[in-house]
Amino acid sequence: MQRFGQQLKTFRKQRGLTQLDLAQRSGVPQPLISDLEAGKRDGVTLEMAWRLARTLSVSLDHLAGTWEGAAEPALGDTAPAVTPPAGARRRGRRRTAAPASARG
């Protein structure tokens, strides 16, 4: 879990956030963030890890240091739009328009 703390600190500093900023934005207590970064804490709940990753705009894999693929995209980068292959069909039931009375 020490790797998690190192990654947390790296991503936090890259975004120019203090521990207090990250705590306020993520809802994760600042003392917990401090302990994680210092390697004093061994565990974190999935909910807390998810909040931190979401606030830092990184995947849980990157934050945990388990991603072995390409580097994390820079801030502001967006993934290219995915277009379905020609002739692809949508799965599931066809949606029908709601009755006018239900639209409000």
N, C-alpha and C. Protein backbone atom coordinates (compact mmCIF):
# COMPACT_ATOMS: atom_id res chain seq x y z
N MET A 1 0.82 -1.20 0.00
CA MET A 1 0.00 0.00 0.00
C MET A 1 0.86 1.26 0.00
N GLN A 2 2.14 1.11 0.25
CA GLN A 2 3.02 2.26 0.22
C GLN A 2 3.06 2.87 -1.18
N ARG A 3 2.96 2.02 -2.19
CA ARG A 3 2.93 2.50 -3.57
C ARG A 3 1.72 3.40 -3.80
N PHE A 4 0.60 3.06 -3.20
CA PHE A 4 -0.62 3.88 -3.30
C PHE A 4 -0.34 5.28 -2.77
N GLY A 5 0.29 5.37 -1.62
CA GLY A 5 0.61 6.67 -1.03
C GLY A 5 1.55 7.49 -1.88
N GLN A 6 2.54 6.82 -2.47
CA GLN A 6 3.48 7.52 -3.36
C GLN A 6 2.76 8.06 -4.59
N GLN A 7 1.91 7.23 -5.18
CA GLN A 7 1.14 7.66 -6.34
C GLN A 7 0.20 8.80 -5.98
N LEU A 8 -0.45 8.69 -4.84
CA LEU A 8 -1.37 9.72 -4.37
C LEU A 8 -0.66 11.06 -4.28
N LYS A 9 0.51 11.06 -3.66
CA LYS A 9 1.28 12.29 -3.49
C LYS A 9 1.71 12.85 -4.85
N THR A 10 2.18 11.98 -5.74
CA THR A 10 2.62 12.41 -7.06
C THR A 10 1.48 13.07 -7.83
N PHE A 11 0.33 12.41 -7.91
CA PHE A 11 -0.80 12.96 -8.65
C PHE A 11 -1.33 14.23 -7.99
N ARG A 12 -1.35 14.26 -6.67
CA ARG A 12 -1.83 15.46 -5.96
C ARG A 12 -0.94 16.66 -6.28
N LYS A 13 0.37 16.46 -6.23
CA LYS A 13 1.30 17.56 -6.51
C LYS A 13 1.25 17.98 -7.97
N GLN A 14 1.07 17.02 -8.89
CA GLN A 14 0.96 17.36 -10.31
C GLN A 14 -0.23 18.29 -10.57
N ARG A 15 -1.25 18.14 -9.77
CA ARG A 15 -2.45 18.96 -9.95
C ARG A 15 -2.42 20.24 -9.12
N GLY A 16 -1.32 20.44 -8.38
CA GLY A 16 -1.16 21.66 -7.60
C GLY A 16 -2.08 21.75 -6.40
N LEU A 17 -2.43 20.60 -5.83
CA LEU A 17 -3.33 20.56 -4.68
C LEU A 17 -2.55 20.32 -3.39
N THR A 18 -3.00 20.94 -2.32
CA THR A 18 -2.48 20.60 -1.00
C THR A 18 -3.28 19.42 -0.47
N GLN A 19 -2.81 18.84 0.60
CA GLN A 19 -3.57 17.74 1.21
C GLN A 19 -4.94 18.23 1.65
N LEU A 20 -4.99 19.45 2.16
CA LEU A 20 -6.27 20.01 2.62
C LEU A 20 -7.22 20.24 1.43
N ASP A 21 -6.68 20.74 0.31
CA ASP A 21 -7.51 20.91 -0.89
C ASP A 21 -8.11 19.58 -1.33
N LEU A 22 -7.25 18.56 -1.39
CA LEU A 22 -7.71 17.23 -1.81
C LEU A 22 -8.75 16.69 -0.85
N ALA A 23 -8.53 16.89 0.43
CA ALA A 23 -9.49 16.42 1.44
C ALA A 23 -10.85 17.10 1.26
N GLN A 24 -10.84 18.40 1.06
CA GLN A 24 -12.10 19.13 0.92
C GLN A 24 -12.84 18.74 -0.36
N ARG A 25 -12.11 18.52 -1.43
CA ARG A 25 -12.75 18.18 -2.70
C ARG A 25 -13.24 16.74 -2.75
N SER A 26 -12.51 15.84 -2.07
CA SER A 26 -12.85 14.41 -2.15
C SER A 26 -13.73 13.93 -1.01
N GLY A 27 -13.73 14.66 0.10
CA GLY A 27 -14.47 14.20 1.27
C GLY A 27 -13.71 13.17 2.09
N VAL A 28 -12.43 12.98 1.79
CA VAL A 28 -11.57 12.06 2.53
C VAL A 28 -10.82 12.88 3.58
N PRO A 29 -10.80 12.45 4.83
CA PRO A 29 -10.15 13.23 5.89
C PRO A 29 -8.66 13.50 5.58
N GLN A 30 -8.23 14.74 5.84
CA GLN A 30 -6.85 15.13 5.57
C GLN A 30 -5.84 14.29 6.35
N PRO A 31 -6.09 13.95 7.62
CA PRO A 31 -5.11 13.11 8.33
C PRO A 31 -4.92 11.74 7.65
N LEU A 32 -5.98 11.21 7.04
CA LEU A 32 -5.87 9.94 6.32
C LEU A 32 -4.98 10.11 5.09
N ILE A 33 -5.18 11.20 4.36
CA ILE A 33 -4.35 11.47 3.18
C ILE A 33 -2.89 11.59 3.60
N SER A 34 -2.63 12.30 4.68
CA SER A 34 -1.27 12.47 5.18
C SER A 34 -0.65 11.12 5.55
N ASP A 35 -1.40 10.30 6.27
CA ASP A 35 -0.90 8.97 6.67
C ASP A 35 -0.63 8.08 5.47
N LEU A 36 -1.50 8.13 4.46
CA LEU A 36 -1.30 7.32 3.26
C LEU A 36 -0.03 7.74 2.53
N GLU A 37 0.15 9.04 2.37
CA GLU A 37 1.33 9.55 1.67
C GLU A 37 2.62 9.25 2.43
N ALA A 38 2.56 9.24 3.75
CA ALA A 38 3.74 8.99 4.56
C ALA A 38 4.01 7.49 4.75
N GLY A 39 3.09 6.65 4.28
CA GLY A 39 3.27 5.21 4.43
C GLY A 39 2.94 4.71 5.82
N LYS A 40 2.24 5.52 6.60
CA LYS A 40 1.88 5.14 7.98
C LYS A 40 0.60 4.32 8.04
N ARG A 41 -0.12 4.31 6.95
CA ARG A 41 -1.41 3.60 6.92
C ARG A 41 -1.34 2.53 5.84
N ASP A 42 -1.77 1.33 6.18
CA ASP A 42 -1.68 0.21 5.26
C ASP A 42 -2.90 0.02 4.38
N GLY A 43 -4.04 0.49 4.81
CA GLY A 43 -5.26 0.20 4.06
C GLY A 43 -6.14 1.41 3.88
N VAL A 44 -6.96 1.32 2.85
CA VAL A 44 -7.95 2.34 2.56
C VAL A 44 -9.15 1.63 1.95
N THR A 45 -10.32 2.12 2.23
CA THR A 45 -11.50 1.47 1.67
C THR A 45 -11.60 1.77 0.18
N LEU A 46 -12.30 0.94 -0.52
CA LEU A 46 -12.51 1.15 -1.95
C LEU A 46 -13.21 2.47 -2.20
N GLU A 47 -14.16 2.81 -1.35
CA GLU A 47 -14.89 4.08 -1.48
C GLU A 47 -13.93 5.27 -1.37
N MET A 48 -13.03 5.23 -0.40
CA MET A 48 -12.06 6.32 -0.22
C MET A 48 -11.11 6.40 -1.42
N ALA A 49 -10.63 5.25 -1.87
CA ALA A 49 -9.71 5.21 -3.02
C ALA A 49 -10.42 5.76 -4.26
N TRP A 50 -11.68 5.38 -4.45
CA TRP A 50 -12.45 5.85 -5.59
C TRP A 50 -12.63 7.36 -5.54
N ARG A 51 -12.93 7.89 -4.37
CA ARG A 51 -13.11 9.34 -4.22
C ARG A 51 -11.82 10.09 -4.55
N LEU A 52 -10.70 9.58 -4.06
CA LEU A 52 -9.41 10.22 -4.33
C LEU A 52 -9.09 10.17 -5.82
N ALA A 53 -9.26 9.01 -6.43
CA ALA A 53 -8.97 8.85 -7.85
C ALA A 53 -9.86 9.77 -8.68
N ARG A 54 -11.12 9.82 -8.36
CA ARG A 54 -12.06 10.66 -9.11
C ARG A 54 -11.68 12.14 -8.97
N THR A 55 -11.34 12.57 -7.78
CA THR A 55 -10.96 13.96 -7.56
C THR A 55 -9.68 14.31 -8.31
N LEU A 56 -8.76 13.36 -8.40
CA LEU A 56 -7.49 13.59 -9.09
C LEU A 56 -7.57 13.31 -10.59
N SER A 57 -8.73 12.88 -11.06
CA SER A 57 -8.97 12.57 -12.48
C SER A 57 -8.02 11.49 -12.99
N VAL A 58 -7.85 10.44 -12.20
CA VAL A 58 -7.05 9.29 -12.61
C VAL A 58 -7.86 8.02 -12.34
N SER A 59 -7.45 6.93 -12.97
CA SER A 59 -8.13 5.66 -12.72
C SER A 59 -7.62 5.07 -11.40
N LEU A 60 -8.40 4.16 -10.85
CA LEU A 60 -7.94 3.47 -9.64
C LEU A 60 -6.67 2.69 -9.91
N ASP A 61 -6.55 2.11 -11.12
CA ASP A 61 -5.34 1.38 -11.48
C ASP A 61 -4.11 2.27 -11.41
N HIS A 62 -4.22 3.47 -11.94
CA HIS A 62 -3.08 4.38 -11.92
C HIS A 62 -2.76 4.82 -10.50
N LEU A 63 -3.78 5.13 -9.73
CA LEU A 63 -3.57 5.57 -8.36
C LEU A 63 -2.94 4.47 -7.51
N ALA A 64 -3.36 3.24 -7.74
CA ALA A 64 -2.81 2.11 -6.98
C ALA A 64 -1.44 1.68 -7.51
N GLY A 65 -1.07 2.19 -8.68
CA GLY A 65 0.22 1.83 -9.26
C GLY A 65 0.23 0.45 -9.87
N THR A 66 -0.94 -0.05 -10.26
CA THR A 66 -1.02 -1.39 -10.84
C THR A 66 -1.16 -1.35 -12.35
N TRP A 67 -1.27 -0.18 -12.95
CA TRP A 67 -1.42 -0.05 -14.39
C TRP A 67 -0.05 -0.14 -15.03
N GLU A 68 0.11 -1.09 -15.93
CA GLU A 68 1.39 -1.30 -16.59
C GLU A 68 1.38 -0.81 -18.03
N GLY A 69 0.26 -0.27 -18.48
CA GLY A 69 0.14 0.15 -19.87
C GLY A 69 0.70 1.54 -20.09
N ALA A 70 0.08 2.26 -20.99
CA ALA A 70 0.52 3.61 -21.35
C ALA A 70 0.38 4.54 -20.16
N ALA A 71 1.09 5.65 -20.24
CA ALA A 71 1.06 6.64 -19.17
C ALA A 71 -0.34 7.23 -19.03
N GLU A 72 -0.63 7.72 -17.86
CA GLU A 72 -1.91 8.38 -17.59
C GLU A 72 -2.03 9.60 -18.49
N PRO A 73 -3.18 9.81 -19.13
CA PRO A 73 -3.32 10.98 -19.99
C PRO A 73 -3.16 12.26 -19.20
N ALA A 74 -2.64 13.28 -19.84
CA ALA A 74 -2.46 14.58 -19.20
C ALA A 74 -3.82 15.20 -18.92
N LEU A 75 -3.84 16.12 -17.98
CA LEU A 75 -5.09 16.80 -17.66
C LEU A 75 -5.61 17.51 -18.90
N GLY A 76 -6.89 17.44 -19.12
CA GLY A 76 -7.50 18.10 -20.25
C GLY A 76 -7.56 17.24 -21.50
N ASP A 77 -6.78 16.16 -21.54
CA ASP A 77 -6.84 15.26 -22.69
C ASP A 77 -8.15 14.51 -22.64
N THR A 78 -8.71 14.27 -23.77
CA THR A 78 -9.94 13.49 -23.82
C THR A 78 -9.71 12.28 -24.69
N ALA A 79 -10.42 11.25 -24.38
CA ALA A 79 -10.31 10.02 -25.17
C ALA A 79 -10.98 10.25 -26.51
N PRO A 80 -10.45 9.64 -27.57
CA PRO A 80 -11.09 9.79 -28.87
C PRO A 80 -12.47 9.15 -28.86
N ALA A 81 -13.36 9.72 -29.64
CA ALA A 81 -14.71 9.17 -29.72
C ALA A 81 -14.66 7.78 -30.34
N VAL A 82 -15.43 6.89 -29.79
CA VAL A 82 -15.49 5.53 -30.32
C VAL A 82 -16.72 5.43 -31.20
N THR A 83 -16.50 5.03 -32.43
CA THR A 83 -17.61 4.86 -33.35
C THR A 83 -17.84 3.38 -33.57
N PRO A 84 -19.08 2.95 -33.59
CA PRO A 84 -19.36 1.54 -33.80
C PRO A 84 -18.99 1.13 -35.22
N PRO A 85 -18.60 -0.11 -35.41
CA PRO A 85 -18.28 -0.58 -36.76
C PRO A 85 -19.51 -0.51 -37.66
N ALA A 86 -19.25 -0.39 -38.95
CA ALA A 86 -20.35 -0.31 -39.92
C ALA A 86 -21.22 -1.56 -39.81
N GLY A 87 -22.50 -1.37 -39.80
CA GLY A 87 -23.42 -2.49 -39.74
C GLY A 87 -23.68 -2.99 -38.32
N ALA A 88 -23.06 -2.37 -37.32
CA ALA A 88 -23.27 -2.82 -35.94
C ALA A 88 -24.69 -2.50 -35.51
N ARG A 89 -25.26 -3.39 -34.74
CA ARG A 89 -26.62 -3.20 -34.26
C ARG A 89 -26.60 -2.96 -32.77
N ARG A 90 -27.50 -2.14 -32.34
CA ARG A 90 -27.64 -1.86 -30.93
C ARG A 90 -28.36 -3.03 -30.28
N ARG A 91 -27.84 -3.45 -29.13
CA ARG A 91 -28.46 -4.57 -28.42
C ARG A 91 -29.50 -4.07 -27.44
N GLY A 92 -30.43 -4.92 -27.08
CA GLY A 92 -31.44 -4.56 -26.09
C GLY A 92 -32.74 -4.15 -26.75
N ARG A 93 -33.68 -3.76 -25.91
CA ARG A 93 -34.99 -3.37 -26.41
C ARG A 93 -34.94 -2.00 -27.06
N ARG A 94 -35.75 -1.83 -28.06
CA ARG A 94 -35.85 -0.54 -28.73
C ARG A 94 -36.61 0.41 -27.81
N ARG A 95 -36.11 1.60 -27.68
CA ARG A 95 -36.79 2.59 -26.85
C ARG A 95 -37.88 3.27 -27.65
N THR A 96 -38.97 3.53 -26.98
CA THR A 96 -40.07 4.24 -27.62
C THR A 96 -40.23 5.58 -26.92
N ALA A 97 -40.74 6.54 -27.62
CA ALA A 97 -40.93 7.87 -27.04
C ALA A 97 -41.97 7.79 -25.94
N ALA A 98 -41.75 8.55 -24.89
CA ALA A 98 -42.71 8.60 -23.79
C ALA A 98 -43.95 9.33 -24.25
N PRO A 99 -45.14 8.94 -23.74
CA PRO A 99 -46.36 9.66 -24.11
C PRO A 99 -46.26 11.13 -23.73
N ALA A 100 -46.92 11.97 -24.48
CA ALA A 100 -46.86 13.42 -24.25
C ALA A 100 -47.25 13.77 -22.83
N SER A 101 -48.19 13.02 -22.25
CA SER A 101 -48.63 13.31 -20.90
C SER A 101 -47.54 13.03 -19.87
N ALA A 102 -46.61 12.14 -20.16
CA ALA A 102 -45.56 11.78 -19.22
C ALA A 102 -44.37 12.73 -19.31
N ARG A 103 -44.28 13.50 -20.40
CA ARG A 103 -43.14 14.39 -20.59
C ARG A 103 -43.23 15.63 -19.75
N GLY A 104 -44.37 15.98 -19.27
CA GLY A 104 -44.52 17.08 -18.35
C GLY A 104 -44.58 18.38 -18.96
